């Protein structure tokens, strides 16, 4: 085969591989774009979400997470959830919480809550795998925020011991209702 024929063959093969890579890149880009769209559209009702990680997987009594929720919508109702992640080392089937909500006008209300997080056999509620168990605990349903501004929601555990081992983190989630 003459040398010029070999060069043409190599150029054609390289060009074919480059086109294949470009097509694969476009497909990956479109799949990534579709996945991002699905993630965003699934979370369209989420108004606010945040979490507080407990140092050493222990919730100390003096460690009081405060969630600062910006509110602009005073017309639609919302559901508020506490998201609790615990480990198998959590020694109780339940948890008591003191939840205080401060309005932008500095009015406050405190709720005392008890949640069962495991059954009498020690089977954890919620979802999880391995050592981690996550529960989405309903706090308030169909709540209207009367004024816009920043609401502060603080959560303190109400158990009889100061250092509550086995608590990984606590989150707050506010979702618009589908009404």
Foldseek 3Di string as FASTA:
>chain_A
DDPVVVVVVVVVVVVVVVVVVVVVVVVVVVVVVVVVVVVCVVCVQWQDKDKDFDPPQKAFQVDKDKDKHFDDDQDFFKWKWKKWKFFLPQDDQKWWKWKWKQAPVRDIDIDIDMDGQADPVRHGPADDDDGIHMDTGTDDGRHGRNDGGIMMMIMGTDDPDRIGHGTGMMMMIMGTDPD
